[in-house]
Amino acid sequence: SSIEFAKNENYWDKEHVHVDTVKLSFFDGQDQGKPAEQFDQGALSVA
């Protein structure tokens, strides 16, 4: 389904961490057009 991260606000080198949250969504590889469609909808940062 999904894997979610949040920026460690107390991290010793946080000035080099430029994203606040990360969400990885499971992709089974079946629908080849899905990643690009999700990018187009703003749901992915890269596809």
All heavy atoms as atom14 arrays in JSON, in Angstrom:
{
  "sequence": "SSIEFAKNENYWDKEHVHVDTVKLSFFDGQDQGKPAEQFDQGALSVA",
  "atom14_mask": [
    [1, 1, 1, 1, 1, 1, 0, 0, 0, 0, 0, 0, 0, 0],
    [1, 1, 1, 1, 1, 1, 0, 0, 0, 0, 0, 0, 0, 0],
    [1, 1, 1, 1, 1, 1, 1, 1, 0, 0, 0, 0, 0, 0],
    [1, 1, 1, 1, 1, 1, 1, 1, 1, 0, 0, 0, 0, 0],
    [1, 1, 1, 1, 1, 1, 1, 1, 1, 1, 1, 0, 0, 0],
    [1, 1, 1, 1, 1, 0, 0, 0, 0, 0, 0, 0, 0, 0],
    [1, 1, 1, 1, 1, 1, 1, 1, 1, 0, 0, 0, 0, 0],
    [1, 1, 1, 1, 1, 1, 1, 1, 0, 0, 0, 0, 0, 0],
    [1, 1, 1, 1, 1, 1, 1, 1, 1, 0, 0, 0, 0, 0],
    [1, 1, 1, 1, 1, 1, 1, 1, 0, 0, 0, 0, 0, 0],
    [1, 1, 1, 1, 1, 1, 1, 1, 1, 1, 1, 1, 0, 0],
    [1, 1, 1, 1, 1, 1, 1, 1, 1, 1, 1, 1, 1, 1],
    [1, 1, 1, 1, 1, 1, 1, 1, 0, 0, 0, 0, 0, 0],
    [1, 1, 1, 1, 1, 1, 1, 1, 1, 0, 0, 0, 0, 0],
    [1, 1, 1, 1, 1, 1, 1, 1, 1, 0, 0, 0, 0, 0],
    [1, 1, 1, 1, 1, 1, 1, 1, 1, 1, 0, 0, 0, 0],
    [1, 1, 1, 1, 1, 1, 1, 0, 0, 0, 0, 0, 0, 0],
    [1, 1, 1, 1, 1, 1, 1, 1, 1, 1, 0, 0, 0, 0],
    [1, 1, 1, 1, 1, 1, 1, 0, 0, 0, 0, 0, 0, 0],
    [1, 1, 1, 1, 1, 1, 1, 1, 0, 0, 0, 0, 0, 0],
    [1, 1, 1, 1, 1, 1, 1, 0, 0, 0, 0, 0, 0, 0],
    [1, 1, 1, 1, 1, 1, 1, 0, 0, 0, 0, 0, 0, 0],
    [1, 1, 1, 1, 1, 1, 1, 1, 1, 0, 0, 0, 0, 0],
    [1, 1, 1, 1, 1, 1, 1, 1, 0, 0, 0, 0, 0, 0],
    [1, 1, 1, 1, 1, 1, 0, 0, 0, 0, 0, 0, 0, 0],
    [1, 1, 1, 1, 1, 1, 1, 1, 1, 1, 1, 0, 0, 0],
    [1, 1, 1, 1, 1, 1, 1, 1, 1, 1, 1, 0, 0, 0],
    [1, 1, 1, 1, 1, 1, 1, 1, 0, 0, 0, 0, 0, 0],
    [1, 1, 1, 1, 0, 0, 0, 0, 0, 0, 0, 0, 0, 0],
    [1, 1, 1, 1, 1, 1, 1, 1, 1, 0, 0, 0, 0, 0],
    [1, 1, 1, 1, 1, 1, 1, 1, 0, 0, 0, 0, 0, 0],
    [1, 1, 1, 1, 1, 1, 1, 1, 1, 0, 0, 0, 0, 0],
    [1, 1, 1, 1, 0, 0, 0, 0, 0, 0, 0, 0, 0, 0],
    [1, 1, 1, 1, 1, 1, 1, 1, 1, 0, 0, 0, 0, 0],
    [1, 1, 1, 1, 1, 1, 1, 0, 0, 0, 0, 0, 0, 0],
    [1, 1, 1, 1, 1, 0, 0, 0, 0, 0, 0, 0, 0, 0],
    [1, 1, 1, 1, 1, 1, 1, 1, 1, 0, 0, 0, 0, 0],
    [1, 1, 1, 1, 1, 1, 1, 1, 1, 0, 0, 0, 0, 0],
    [1, 1, 1, 1, 1, 1, 1, 1, 1, 1, 1, 0, 0, 0],
    [1, 1, 1, 1, 1, 1, 1, 1, 0, 0, 0, 0, 0, 0],
    [1, 1, 1, 1, 1, 1, 1, 1, 1, 0, 0, 0, 0, 0],
    [1, 1, 1, 1, 0, 0, 0, 0, 0, 0, 0, 0, 0, 0],
    [1, 1, 1, 1, 1, 0, 0, 0, 0, 0, 0, 0, 0, 0],
    [1, 1, 1, 1, 1, 1, 1, 1, 0, 0, 0, 0, 0, 0],
    [1, 1, 1, 1, 1, 1, 0, 0, 0, 0, 0, 0, 0, 0],
    [1, 1, 1, 1, 1, 1, 1, 0, 0, 0, 0, 0, 0, 0],
    [1, 1, 1, 1, 1, 0, 0, 0, 0, 0, 0, 0, 0, 0]
  ],
  "atom14_positions": [
    [[0.83, -1.2, 0.0], [0.0, 0.0, 0.0], [0.87, 1.26, 0.0], [1.0, 1.92, -1.02], [-0.93, 0.02, 1.21], [-1.71, 1.19, 1.23], [0.0, 0.0, 0.0], [0.0, 0.0, 0.0], [0.0, 0.0, 0.0], [0.0, 0.0, 0.0], [0.0, 0.0, 0.0], [0.0, 0.0, 0.0], [0.0, 0.0, 0.0], [0.0, 0.0, 0.0]],
    [[1.48, 1.57, 1.14], [2.24, 2.82, 1.22], [3.29, 2.78, 2.31], [3.19, 2.01, 3.27], [1.3, 4.0, 1.47], [0.69, 3.89, 2.74], [0.0, 0.0, 0.0], [0.0, 0.0, 0.0], [0.0, 0.0, 0.0], [0.0, 0.0, 0.0], [0.0, 0.0, 0.0], [0.0, 0.0, 0.0], [0.0, 0.0, 0.0], [0.0, 0.0, 0.0]],
    [[4.29, 3.62, 2.14], [5.35, 3.83, 3.13], [5.5, 5.34, 3.28], [5.66, 6.05, 2.29], [6.68, 3.21, 2.67], [6.52, 1.7, 2.43], [7.78, 3.47, 3.69], [7.72, 1.05, 1.78], [0.0, 0.0, 0.0], [0.0, 0.0, 0.0], [0.0, 0.0, 0.0], [0.0, 0.0, 0.0], [0.0, 0.0, 0.0], [0.0, 0.0, 0.0]],
    [[5.45, 5.83, 4.52], [5.47, 7.27, 4.73], [6.58, 7.68, 5.71], [6.78, 7.04, 6.75], [4.11, 7.76, 5.24], [2.98, 7.49, 4.25], [1.67, 8.12, 4.65], [1.7, 9.27, 5.12], [0.63, 7.46, 4.49], [0.0, 0.0, 0.0], [0.0, 0.0, 0.0], [0.0, 0.0, 0.0], [0.0, 0.0, 0.0], [0.0, 0.0, 0.0]],
    [[7.28, 8.76, 5.35], [8.34, 9.34, 6.16], [7.99, 10.79, 6.49], [7.25, 11.44, 5.76], [9.67, 9.38, 5.4], [10.17, 8.09, 4.85], [9.68, 7.58, 3.66], [11.17, 7.39, 5.5], [10.18, 6.41, 3.12], [11.68, 6.21, 4.98], [11.17, 5.72, 3.79], [0.0, 0.0, 0.0], [0.0, 0.0, 0.0], [0.0, 0.0, 0.0]],
    [[8.59, 11.28, 7.56], [8.52, 12.7, 7.89], [9.92, 13.2, 8.2], [10.76, 12.45, 8.73], [7.61, 12.94, 9.09], [0.0, 0.0, 0.0], [0.0, 0.0, 0.0], [0.0, 0.0, 0.0], [0.0, 0.0, 0.0], [0.0, 0.0, 0.0], [0.0, 0.0, 0.0], [0.0, 0.0, 0.0], [0.0, 0.0, 0.0], [0.0, 0.0, 0.0]],
    [[10.19, 14.44, 7.86], [11.49, 15.03, 8.14], [11.77, 14.99, 9.63], [10.9, 15.28, 10.45], [11.51, 16.48, 7.64], [12.81, 17.23, 7.88], [12.73, 18.64, 7.32], [14.01, 19.42, 7.58], [13.95, 20.79, 7.01], [0.0, 0.0, 0.0], [0.0, 0.0, 0.0], [0.0, 0.0, 0.0], [0.0, 0.0, 0.0], [0.0, 0.0, 0.0]],
    [[12.99, 14.61, 9.98], [13.44, 14.62, 11.37], [13.82, 16.06, 11.72], [14.9, 16.53, 11.34], [14.63, 13.68, 11.54], [15.13, 13.6, 12.97], [14.66, 14.32, 13.85], [16.09, 12.72, 13.21], [0.0, 0.0, 0.0], [0.0, 0.0, 0.0], [0.0, 0.0, 0.0], [0.0, 0.0, 0.0], [0.0, 0.0, 0.0], [0.0, 0.0, 0.0]],
    [[12.93, 16.76, 12.4], [13.12, 18.18, 12.66], [14.32, 18.47, 13.55], [14.81, 19.61, 13.61], [11.85, 18.78, 13.28], [10.64, 18.74, 12.36], [10.8, 19.63, 11.13], [11.71, 20.48, 11.12], [10.01, 19.46, 10.16], [0.0, 0.0, 0.0], [0.0, 0.0, 0.0], [0.0, 0.0, 0.0], [0.0, 0.0, 0.0], [0.0, 0.0, 0.0]],
    [[14.81, 17.47, 14.27], [15.96, 17.68, 15.16], [17.26, 17.13, 14.57], [18.28, 17.08, 15.25], [15.69, 17.0, 16.5], [14.5, 17.62, 17.22], [14.45, 18.83, 17.43], [13.52, 16.79, 17.58], [0.0, 0.0, 0.0], [0.0, 0.0, 0.0], [0.0, 0.0, 0.0], [0.0, 0.0, 0.0], [0.0, 0.0, 0.0], [0.0, 0.0, 0.0]],
    [[17.21, 16.73, 13.32], [18.37, 16.13, 12.64], [19.55, 17.1, 12.63], [19.39, 18.31, 12.43], [17.96, 15.77, 11.22], [19.01, 15.15, 10.36], [19.72, 14.03, 10.78], [19.29, 15.68, 9.09], [20.68, 13.44, 9.97], [20.24, 15.09, 8.26], [20.94, 13.98, 8.71], [21.88, 13.4, 7.9], [0.0, 0.0, 0.0], [0.0, 0.0, 0.0]],
    [[20.74, 16.58, 12.85], [21.93, 17.42, 12.96], [22.23, 18.23, 11.69], [22.86, 19.28, 11.75], [23.15, 16.57, 13.32], [23.56, 15.59, 12.25], [23.14, 14.3, 12.11], [24.47, 15.84, 11.16], [23.72, 13.72, 11.0], [24.55, 14.65, 10.4], [25.22, 16.94, 10.75], [25.33, 14.52, 9.26], [26.01, 16.82, 9.61], [26.07, 15.63, 8.88]],
    [[21.76, 17.76, 10.55], [22.06, 18.43, 9.28], [20.77, 18.76, 8.53], [20.69, 18.63, 7.31], [22.94, 17.51, 8.42], [23.6, 18.22, 7.25], [23.8, 19.44, 7.34], [23.9, 17.54, 6.25], [0.0, 0.0, 0.0], [0.0, 0.0, 0.0], [0.0, 0.0, 0.0], [0.0, 0.0, 0.0], [0.0, 0.0, 0.0], [0.0, 0.0, 0.0]],
    [[19.77, 19.24, 9.26], [18.44, 19.4, 8.67], [18.4, 20.47, 7.57], [17.49, 20.47, 6.75], [17.41, 19.71, 9.74], [17.6, 21.03, 10.47], [16.5, 21.21, 11.52], [16.65, 22.52, 12.27], [15.57, 22.68, 13.29], [0.0, 0.0, 0.0], [0.0, 0.0, 0.0], [0.0, 0.0, 0.0], [0.0, 0.0, 0.0], [0.0, 0.0, 0.0]],
    [[19.39, 21.36, 7.53], [19.38, 22.38, 6.48], [19.58, 21.79, 5.09], [19.31, 22.44, 4.07], [20.43, 23.46, 6.74], [21.86, 22.98, 6.76], [22.34, 22.62, 8.16], [21.49, 22.25, 9.0], [23.55, 22.72, 8.41], [0.0, 0.0, 0.0], [0.0, 0.0, 0.0], [0.0, 0.0, 0.0], [0.0, 0.0, 0.0], [0.0, 0.0, 0.0]],
    [[20.07, 20.54, 5.03], [20.23, 19.86, 3.75], [19.08, 18.91, 3.45], [19.16, 18.12, 2.5], [21.56, 19.11, 3.71], [22.74, 20.01, 3.55], [23.76, 20.08, 4.47], [23.06, 20.89, 2.57], [24.66, 20.96, 4.07], [24.26, 21.47, 2.91], [0.0, 0.0, 0.0], [0.0, 0.0, 0.0], [0.0, 0.0, 0.0], [0.0, 0.0, 0.0]],
    [[18.02, 18.98, 4.24], [16.82, 18.17, 3.98], [15.75, 19.14, 3.49], [15.24, 19.96, 4.25], [16.35, 17.44, 5.25], [15.15, 16.54, 4.93], [17.49, 16.61, 5.83], [0.0, 0.0, 0.0], [0.0, 0.0, 0.0], [0.0, 0.0, 0.0], [0.0, 0.0, 0.0], [0.0, 0.0, 0.0], [0.0, 0.0, 0.0], [0.0, 0.0, 0.0]],
    [[15.4, 19.04, 2.23], [14.55, 20.04, 1.59], [13.12, 19.58, 1.36], [12.31, 20.34, 0.84], [15.17, 20.47, 0.26], [16.59, 20.94, 0.38], [16.94, 22.08, 1.06], [17.75, 20.39, -0.06], [18.25, 22.24, 1.03], [18.77, 21.23, 0.35], [0.0, 0.0, 0.0], [0.0, 0.0, 0.0], [0.0, 0.0, 0.0], [0.0, 0.0, 0.0]],
    [[12.81, 18.34, 1.71], [11.43, 17.87, 1.63], [10.95, 17.53, 3.04], [11.73, 17.05, 3.88], [11.27, 16.65, 0.69], [11.61, 17.04, -0.74], [12.13, 15.48, 1.13], [0.0, 0.0, 0.0], [0.0, 0.0, 0.0], [0.0, 0.0, 0.0], [0.0, 0.0, 0.0], [0.0, 0.0, 0.0], [0.0, 0.0, 0.0], [0.0, 0.0, 0.0]],
    [[9.71, 17.81, 3.3], [9.17, 17.64, 4.65], [8.54, 16.28, 4.88], [8.56, 15.76, 5.99], [8.14, 18.74, 4.92], [8.76, 20.13, 4.84], [9.54, 20.46, 5.75], [8.49, 20.85, 3.87], [0.0, 0.0, 0.0], [0.0, 0.0, 0.0], [0.0, 0.0, 0.0], [0.0, 0.0, 0.0], [0.0, 0.0, 0.0], [0.0, 0.0, 0.0]],
    [[7.95, 15.74, 3.83], [7.34, 14.41, 3.93], [7.66, 13.62, 2.67], [7.9, 14.18, 1.6], [5.81, 14.49, 4.08], [5.25, 15.13, 2.93], [5.43, 15.24, 5.35], [0.0, 0.0, 0.0], [0.0, 0.0, 0.0], [0.0, 0.0, 0.0], [0.0, 0.0, 0.0], [0.0, 0.0, 0.0], [0.0, 0.0, 0.0], [0.0, 0.0, 0.0]],
    [[7.67, 12.3, 2.84], [7.86, 11.39, 1.72], [6.77, 10.33, 1.79], [6.53, 9.75, 2.85], [9.24, 10.7, 1.77], [9.37, 9.67, 0.64], [10.36, 11.73, 1.68], [0.0, 0.0, 0.0], [0.0, 0.0, 0.0], [0.0, 0.0, 0.0], [0.0, 0.0, 0.0], [0.0, 0.0, 0.0], [0.0, 0.0, 0.0], [0.0, 0.0, 0.0]],
    [[6.11, 10.09, 0.67], [5.14, 9.01, 0.6], [5.45, 8.15, -0.61], [5.48, 8.64, -1.75], [3.7, 9.53, 0.51], [2.67, 8.39, 0.46], [1.25, 8.9, 0.45], [0.25, 7.74, 0.43], [-1.15, 8.22, 0.42], [0.0, 0.0, 0.0], [0.0, 0.0, 0.0], [0.0, 0.0, 0.0], [0.0, 0.0, 0.0], [0.0, 0.0, 0.0]],
    [[5.67, 6.87, -0.36], [5.9, 5.9, -1.42], [4.64, 5.06, -1.55], [4.18, 4.48, -0.57], [7.09, 5.01, -1.09], [8.41, 5.72, -0.74], [9.48, 4.71, -0.4], [8.86, 6.63, -1.86], [0.0, 0.0, 0.0], [0.0, 0.0, 0.0], [0.0, 0.0, 0.0], [0.0, 0.0, 0.0], [0.0, 0.0, 0.0], [0.0, 0.0, 0.0]],
    [[4.09, 4.98, -2.74], [2.87, 4.21, -2.97], [3.2, 2.94, -3.74], [4.01, 2.97, -4.68], [1.85, 5.04, -3.76], [1.49, 6.2, -3.03], [0.0, 0.0, 0.0], [0.0, 0.0, 0.0], [0.0, 0.0, 0.0], [0.0, 0.0, 0.0], [0.0, 0.0, 0.0], [0.0, 0.0, 0.0], [0.0, 0.0, 0.0], [0.0, 0.0, 0.0]],
    [[2.57, 1.85, -3.36], [2.87, 0.56, -3.98], [2.39, 0.53, -5.43], [1.28, 0.98, -5.75], [2.18, -0.57, -3.21], [2.47, -1.94, -3.76], [3.71, -2.52, -3.6], [1.49, -2.65, -4.45], [3.99, -3.79, -4.1], [1.75, -3.9, -4.96], [3.0, -4.47, -4.79], [0.0, 0.0, 0.0], [0.0, 0.0, 0.0], [0.0, 0.0, 0.0]],
    [[3.23, 0.02, -6.3], [2.91, -0.1, -7.72], [3.23, -1.52, -8.16], [4.38, -1.96, -8.03], [3.73, 0.9, -8.52], [3.53, 0.82, -10.02], [2.28, 0.98, -10.59], [4.62, 0.6, -10.85], [2.11, 0.91, -11.97], [4.46, 0.55, -12.23], [3.2, 0.69, -12.78], [0.0, 0.0, 0.0], [0.0, 0.0, 0.0], [0.0, 0.0, 0.0]],
    [[2.23, -2.24, -8.65], [2.45, -3.63, -9.03], [2.95, -3.79, -10.46], [3.21, -4.91, -10.92], [1.18, -4.47, -8.83], [0.01, -4.01, -9.71], [0.22, -3.18, -10.61], [-1.11, -4.5, -9.48], [0.0, 0.0, 0.0], [0.0, 0.0, 0.0], [0.0, 0.0, 0.0], [0.0, 0.0, 0.0], [0.0, 0.0, 0.0], [0.0, 0.0, 0.0]],
    [[3.11, -2.69, -11.17], [3.65, -2.75, -12.51], [2.66, -3.12, -13.59], [3.02, -3.22, -14.76], [0.0, 0.0, 0.0], [0.0, 0.0, 0.0], [0.0, 0.0, 0.0], [0.0, 0.0, 0.0], [0.0, 0.0, 0.0], [0.0, 0.0, 0.0], [0.0, 0.0, 0.0], [0.0, 0.0, 0.0], [0.0, 0.0, 0.0], [0.0, 0.0, 0.0]],
    [[1.41, -3.33, -13.23], [0.44, -3.83, -14.19], [-0.06, -2.74, -15.15], [-0.11, -2.95, -16.36], [-0.75, -4.45, -13.45], [-1.72, -5.19, -14.36], [-2.66, -6.08, -13.57], [-2.64, -6.1, -12.35], [-3.46, -6.85, -14.27], [0.0, 0.0, 0.0], [0.0, 0.0, 0.0], [0.0, 0.0, 0.0], [0.0, 0.0, 0.0], [0.0, 0.0, 0.0]],
    [[-0.41, -1.6, -14.61], [-0.93, -0.51, -15.43], [0.2, 0.45, -15.76], [0.56, 1.33, -14.97], [-2.05, 0.22, -14.68], [-2.7, 1.32, -15.5], [-2.2, 1.61, -16.61], [-3.7, 1.9, -15.03], [0.0, 0.0, 0.0], [0.0, 0.0, 0.0], [0.0, 0.0, 0.0], [0.0, 0.0, 0.0], [0.0, 0.0, 0.0], [0.0, 0.0, 0.0]],
    [[0.77, 0.32, -16.95], [1.95, 1.1, -17.31], [1.67, 2.6, -17.34], [2.56, 3.42, -17.12], [2.45, 0.66, -18.68], [2.98, -0.75, -18.72], [3.34, -1.14, -20.14], [2.49, -1.23, -21.02], [4.61, -1.36, -20.37], [0.0, 0.0, 0.0], [0.0, 0.0, 0.0], [0.0, 0.0, 0.0], [0.0, 0.0, 0.0], [0.0, 0.0, 0.0]],
    [[0.47, 2.97, -17.64], [0.16, 4.39, -17.75], [-0.12, 5.06, -16.42], [-0.16, 6.29, -16.34], [0.0, 0.0, 0.0], [0.0, 0.0, 0.0], [0.0, 0.0, 0.0], [0.0, 0.0, 0.0], [0.0, 0.0, 0.0], [0.0, 0.0, 0.0], [0.0, 0.0, 0.0], [0.0, 0.0, 0.0], [0.0, 0.0, 0.0], [0.0, 0.0, 0.0]],
    [[-0.27, 4.25, -15.37], [-0.68, 4.79, -14.07], [0.29, 5.82, -13.49], [-0.14, 6.88, -13.02], [-0.91, 3.65, -13.08], [-1.45, 4.1, -11.73], [-1.73, 2.91, -10.82], [-2.27, 3.36, -9.47], [-2.55, 2.19, -8.59], [0.0, 0.0, 0.0], [0.0, 0.0, 0.0], [0.0, 0.0, 0.0], [0.0, 0.0, 0.0], [0.0, 0.0, 0.0]],
    [[1.62, 5.56, -13.48], [2.52, 6.56, -12.89], [2.41, 7.93, -13.55], [2.34, 8.95, -12.85], [3.92, 5.94, -13.11], [3.67, 4.47, -13.16], [2.35, 4.33, -13.87], [0.0, 0.0, 0.0], [0.0, 0.0, 0.0], [0.0, 0.0, 0.0], [0.0, 0.0, 0.0], [0.0, 0.0, 0.0], [0.0, 0.0, 0.0], [0.0, 0.0, 0.0]],
    [[2.4, 7.96, -14.88], [2.3, 9.25, -15.57], [0.96, 9.93, -15.29], [0.89, 11.16, -15.13], [2.49, 9.05, -17.07], [0.0, 0.0, 0.0], [0.0, 0.0, 0.0], [0.0, 0.0, 0.0], [0.0, 0.0, 0.0], [0.0, 0.0, 0.0], [0.0, 0.0, 0.0], [0.0, 0.0, 0.0], [0.0, 0.0, 0.0], [0.0, 0.0, 0.0]],
    [[-0.1, 9.14, -15.22], [-1.41, 9.71, -14.91], [-1.42, 10.31, -13.51], [-1.97, 11.39, -13.28], [-2.48, 8.63, -15.04], [-2.72, 8.18, -16.48], [-3.61, 6.95, -16.56], [-4.13, 6.53, -15.5], [-3.77, 6.4, -17.66], [0.0, 0.0, 0.0], [0.0, 0.0, 0.0], [0.0, 0.0, 0.0], [0.0, 0.0, 0.0], [0.0, 0.0, 0.0]],
    [[-0.78, 9.62, -12.56], [-0.71, 10.13, -11.19], [0.14, 11.39, -11.11], [-0.16, 12.31, -10.36], [-0.17, 9.05, -10.25], [-1.15, 7.91, -10.02], [-0.6, 6.91, -9.02], [0.53, 6.45, -9.11], [-1.43, 6.54, -8.06], [0.0, 0.0, 0.0], [0.0, 0.0, 0.0], [0.0, 0.0, 0.0], [0.0, 0.0, 0.0], [0.0, 0.0, 0.0]],
    [[1.21, 11.43, -11.9], [2.02, 12.65, -11.96], [1.19, 13.8, -12.5], [1.22, 14.92, -11.96], [3.24, 12.41, -12.85], [4.13, 13.61, -13.01], [5.17, 13.84, -12.12], [3.94, 14.51, -14.05], [5.99, 14.95, -12.25], [4.75, 15.63, -14.2], [5.79, 15.85, -13.3], [0.0, 0.0, 0.0], [0.0, 0.0, 0.0], [0.0, 0.0, 0.0]],
    [[0.44, 13.53, -13.54], [-0.4, 14.56, -14.16], [-1.44, 15.1, -13.19], [-1.81, 16.27, -13.24], [-1.08, 13.97, -15.4], [-1.78, 15.03, -16.24], [-1.16, 16.07, -16.51], [-2.95, 14.81, -16.6], [0.0, 0.0, 0.0], [0.0, 0.0, 0.0], [0.0, 0.0, 0.0], [0.0, 0.0, 0.0], [0.0, 0.0, 0.0], [0.0, 0.0, 0.0]],
    [[-1.89, 14.24, -12.27], [-2.88, 14.64, -11.28], [-2.24, 15.28, -10.05], [-2.95, 15.67, -9.11], [-3.7, 13.41, -10.85], [-4.54, 12.8, -11.97], [-5.0, 11.39, -11.66], [-4.78, 10.88, -10.54], [-5.63, 10.74, -12.62], [0.0, 0.0, 0.0], [0.0, 0.0, 0.0], [0.0, 0.0, 0.0], [0.0, 0.0, 0.0], [0.0, 0.0, 0.0]],
    [[-0.91, 15.35, -10.02], [-0.22, 15.95, -8.89], [0.03, 15.0, -7.74], [0.47, 15.42, -6.67], [0.0, 0.0, 0.0], [0.0, 0.0, 0.0], [0.0, 0.0, 0.0], [0.0, 0.0, 0.0], [0.0, 0.0, 0.0], [0.0, 0.0, 0.0], [0.0, 0.0, 0.0], [0.0, 0.0, 0.0], [0.0, 0.0, 0.0], [0.0, 0.0, 0.0]],
    [[-0.21, 13.71, -7.97], [-0.05, 12.73, -6.9], [1.37, 12.19, -6.79], [1.73, 11.58, -5.78], [-1.02, 11.56, -7.11], [0.0, 0.0, 0.0], [0.0, 0.0, 0.0], [0.0, 0.0, 0.0], [0.0, 0.0, 0.0], [0.0, 0.0, 0.0], [0.0, 0.0, 0.0], [0.0, 0.0, 0.0], [0.0, 0.0, 0.0], [0.0, 0.0, 0.0]],
    [[2.2, 12.38, -7.82], [3.59, 11.93, -7.8], [4.51, 13.09, -8.15], [4.16, 13.96, -8.95], [3.82, 10.79, -8.8], [3.15, 9.45, -8.51], [3.48, 8.44, -9.61], [3.56, 8.89, -7.15], [0.0, 0.0, 0.0], [0.0, 0.0, 0.0], [0.0, 0.0, 0.0], [0.0, 0.0, 0.0], [0.0, 0.0, 0.0], [0.0, 0.0, 0.0]],
    [[5.7, 13.07, -7.56], [6.7, 14.1, -7.85], [7.54, 13.73, -9.05], [8.15, 14.61, -9.69], [7.62, 14.29, -6.63], [6.87, 14.59, -5.48], [0.0, 0.0, 0.0], [0.0, 0.0, 0.0], [0.0, 0.0, 0.0], [0.0, 0.0, 0.0], [0.0, 0.0, 0.0], [0.0, 0.0, 0.0], [0.0, 0.0, 0.0], [0.0, 0.0, 0.0]],
    [[7.61, 12.46, -9.34], [8.38, 11.96, -10.48], [7.71, 10.69, -10.96], [7.18, 9.92, -10.16], [9.86, 11.71, -10.1], [9.97, 10.74, -8.94], [10.67, 11.19, -11.28], [0.0, 0.0, 0.0], [0.0, 0.0, 0.0], [0.0, 0.0, 0.0], [0.0, 0.0, 0.0], [0.0, 0.0, 0.0], [0.0, 0.0, 0.0], [0.0, 0.0, 0.0]],
    [[7.71, 10.47, -12.25], [7.05, 9.28, -12.79], [7.83, 8.73, -13.97], [8.27, 9.47, -14.86], [5.62, 9.6, -13.23], [0.0, 0.0, 0.0], [0.0, 0.0, 0.0], [0.0, 0.0, 0.0], [0.0, 0.0, 0.0], [0.0, 0.0, 0.0], [0.0, 0.0, 0.0], [0.0, 0.0, 0.0], [0.0, 0.0, 0.0], [0.0, 0.0, 0.0]]
  ]
}
